C-alpha atoms as a PDB file:
ATOM      1  CA  UNK A   1       0.098  -0.163  -0.252  1.00  0.00           C
ATOM      2  CA  UNK A   2       2.823   2.570   0.927  1.00  0.00           C
ATOM      3  CA  UNK A   3       4.142   1.973  -2.708  1.00  0.00           C
ATOM      4  CA  UNK A   4       0.808   2.898  -4.290  1.00  0.00           C
ATOM      5  CA  UNK A   5       0.723   5.757  -2.460  1.00  0.00           C
ATOM      6  CA  UNK A   6       4.237   6.648  -3.143  1.00  0.00           C
ATOM      7  CA  UNK A   7       3.773   6.217  -6.891  1.00  0.00           C
ATOM      8  CA  UNK A   8       0.695   8.128  -6.881  1.00  0.00           C
ATOM      9  CA  UNK A   9       2.396  10.929  -5.277  1.00  0.00           C
ATOM     10  CA  UNK A  10       5.193  10.902  -7.551  1.00  0.00           C
ATOM     11  CA  UNK A  11       2.993  11.011 -10.854  1.00  0.00           C
ATOM     12  CA  UNK A  12       1.037  14.023  -9.104  1.00  0.00           C
ATOM     13  CA  UNK A  13       4.412  15.924  -8.355  1.00  0.00           C
ATOM     14  CA  UNK A  14       5.450  15.246 -11.888  1.00  0.00           C
ATOM     15  CA  UNK A  15       2.380  16.422 -13.767  1.00  0.00           C
ATOM     16  CA  UNK A  16       2.277  19.621 -11.496  1.00  0.00           C
ATOM     17  CA  UNK A  17       5.772  20.593 -12.541  1.00  0.00           C
ATOM     18  CA  UNK A  18       5.870  24.345 -13.401  1.00  0.00           C
ATOM     19  CA  UNK A  19       8.599  24.699 -16.254  1.00  0.00           C
ATOM     20  CA  UNK A  20      10.008  28.125 -17.325  1.00  0.00           C
ATOM     21  CA  UNK A  21       8.448  29.761 -20.337  1.00  0.00           C
ATOM     22  CA  UNK A  22      11.366  30.040 -23.024  1.00  0.00           C
ATOM     23  CA  UNK A  23      12.969  33.041 -22.884  1.00  0.00           C
ATOM     24  CA  UNK A  24      12.953  35.705 -25.795  1.00  0.00           C
ATOM     25  CA  UNK A  25      15.396  38.753 -26.441  1.00  0.00           C
ATOM     26  CA  UNK A  26      12.903  40.751 -28.475  1.00  0.00           C
ATOM     27  CA  UNK A  27      10.543  43.321 -26.618  1.00  0.00           C
ATOM     28  CA  UNK A  28       8.430  43.891 -30.038  1.00  0.00           C
ATOM     29  CA  UNK A  29       5.004  44.810 -28.747  1.00  0.00           C
ATOM     30  CA  UNK A  30       3.036  42.750 -31.607  1.00  0.00           C
ATOM     31  CA  UNK A  31       5.312  39.435 -31.236  1.00  0.00           C
ATOM     32  CA  UNK A  32       3.396  38.331 -28.220  1.00  0.00           C
ATOM     33  CA  UNK A  33      -0.041  38.408 -29.965  1.00  0.00           C
ATOM     34  CA  UNK A  34       1.041  35.930 -32.481  1.00  0.00           C
ATOM     35  CA  UNK A  35       3.056  33.568 -30.066  1.00  0.00           C
ATOM     36  CA  UNK A  36      -0.210  33.321 -27.937  1.00  0.00           C
ATOM     37  CA  UNK A  37      -2.071  32.478 -30.974  1.00  0.00           C
ATOM     38  CA  UNK A  38       0.244  29.578 -32.098  1.00  0.00           C
ATOM     39  CA  UNK A  39       0.036  28.346 -28.498  1.00  0.00           C
ATOM     40  CA  UNK A  40      -3.387  28.351 -28.247  1.00  0.00           C
ATOM     41  CA  UNK A  41      -4.245  26.058 -30.917  1.00  0.00           C
ATOM     42  CA  UNK A  42      -2.186  23.167 -29.308  1.00  0.00           C
ATOM     43  CA  UNK A  43      -3.983  20.460 -27.392  1.00  0.00           C
ATOM     44  CA  UNK A  44      -3.202  20.446 -23.671  1.00  0.00           C
ATOM     45  CA  UNK A  45      -1.464  17.418 -22.125  1.00  0.00           C
ATOM     46  CA  UNK A  46      -4.378  14.698 -22.416  1.00  0.00           C
ATOM     47  CA  UNK A  47      -3.108  12.846 -19.032  1.00  0.00           C
ATOM     48  CA  UNK A  48      -3.560  15.807 -16.272  1.00  0.00           C
ATOM     49  CA  UNK A  49      -4.864  18.380 -18.990  1.00  0.00           C
ATOM     50  CA  UNK A  50      -2.304  21.035 -18.390  1.00  0.00           C
ATOM     51  CA  UNK A  51      -2.182  23.973 -21.135  1.00  0.00           C
ATOM     52  CA  UNK A  52       0.295  23.339 -23.559  1.00  0.00           C
ATOM     53  CA  UNK A  53       3.294  24.959 -22.864  1.00  0.00           C
ATOM     54  CA  UNK A  54       6.643  25.903 -25.496  1.00  0.00           C
ATOM     55  CA  UNK A  55       8.736  24.392 -23.079  1.00  0.00           C
ATOM     56  CA  UNK A  56       7.225  20.833 -22.963  1.00  0.00           C
ATOM     57  CA  UNK A  57      10.032  18.365 -24.431  1.00  0.00           C
ATOM     58  CA  UNK A  58       7.730  15.117 -24.090  1.00  0.00           C
ATOM     59  CA  UNK A  59       5.417  14.507 -27.315  1.00  0.00           C
ATOM     60  CA  UNK A  60       4.147  11.729 -29.312  1.00  0.00           C
ATOM     61  CA  UNK A  61       2.203  11.583 -32.590  1.00  0.00           C
ATOM     62  CA  UNK A  62      -1.085   9.481 -32.164  1.00  0.00           C
ATOM     63  CA  UNK A  63      -3.315   9.279 -35.459  1.00  0.00           C
ATOM     64  CA  UNK A  64      -2.868  12.693 -36.831  1.00  0.00           C
ATOM     65  CA  UNK A  65      -2.583  14.482 -33.926  1.00  0.00           C
ATOM     66  CA  UNK A  66       0.964  15.474 -32.598  1.00  0.00           C
ATOM     67  CA  UNK A  67       0.524  15.738 -28.396  1.00  0.00           C
ATOM     68  CA  UNK A  68       2.655  17.279 -26.075  1.00  0.00           C
ATOM     69  CA  UNK A  69       3.201  16.245 -22.466  1.00  0.00           C
ATOM     70  CA  UNK A  70       4.547  18.116 -19.264  1.00  0.00           C
ATOM     71  CA  UNK A  71       6.334  14.972 -17.948  1.00  0.00           C
ATOM     72  CA  UNK A  72       7.722  11.736 -19.583  1.00  0.00           C
ATOM     73  CA  UNK A  73       5.513  10.159 -16.648  1.00  0.00           C
ATOM     74  CA  UNK A  74       2.194  11.519 -18.402  1.00  0.00           C
ATOM     75  CA  UNK A  75       3.635  10.467 -21.789  1.00  0.00           C
ATOM     76  CA  UNK A  76       4.012   6.752 -20.568  1.00  0.00           C
ATOM     77  CA  UNK A  77       0.411   6.839 -18.680  1.00  0.00           C
ATOM     78  CA  UNK A  78      -0.818   7.922 -22.402  1.00  0.00           C
ATOM     79  CA  UNK A  79       0.893   5.398 -24.534  1.00  0.00           C
ATOM     80  CA  UNK A  80      -0.694   2.863 -21.899  1.00  0.00           C
ATOM     81  CA  UNK A  81      -4.260   3.788 -22.996  1.00  0.00           C
ATOM     82  CA  UNK A  82      -4.301   6.412 -25.971  1.00  0.00           C
ATOM     83  CA  UNK A  83      -7.879   6.084 -26.868  1.00  0.00           C
ATOM     84  CA  UNK A  84      -8.872   6.638 -23.186  1.00  0.00           C
ATOM     85  CA  UNK A  85      -7.140  10.173 -23.230  1.00  0.00           C
ATOM     86  CA  UNK A  86      -8.170  10.840 -26.641  1.00  0.00           C
ATOM     87  CA  UNK A  87     -11.712  10.698 -25.782  1.00  0.00           C
ATOM     88  CA  UNK A  88     -10.864  13.013 -22.893  1.00  0.00           C
ATOM     89  CA  UNK A  89      -9.960  15.563 -25.594  1.00  0.00           C
ATOM     90  CA  UNK A  90     -12.707  14.873 -27.785  1.00  0.00           C
ATOM     91  CA  UNK A  91     -11.103  13.538 -30.454  1.00  0.00           C
END
């Protein structure tokens, strides 16, 4: 039982990691609007439903969708039951 609780705690903590957004050196007023528009059309993490962040490094392609994950744990969980999590996203 201890191992189940520890594993659950690690899973929750790995999904709740806050990643630093990518640093930019430009200060143009029009650039953030285009960056926000490009990011807003991305799907959230299908496992923990965290919004897409440009710093996500874990990803996979499922059918025709490229999915990004906040952690390798979320990616592994998704790969075990992809149809379940795609249904959560309405796909």
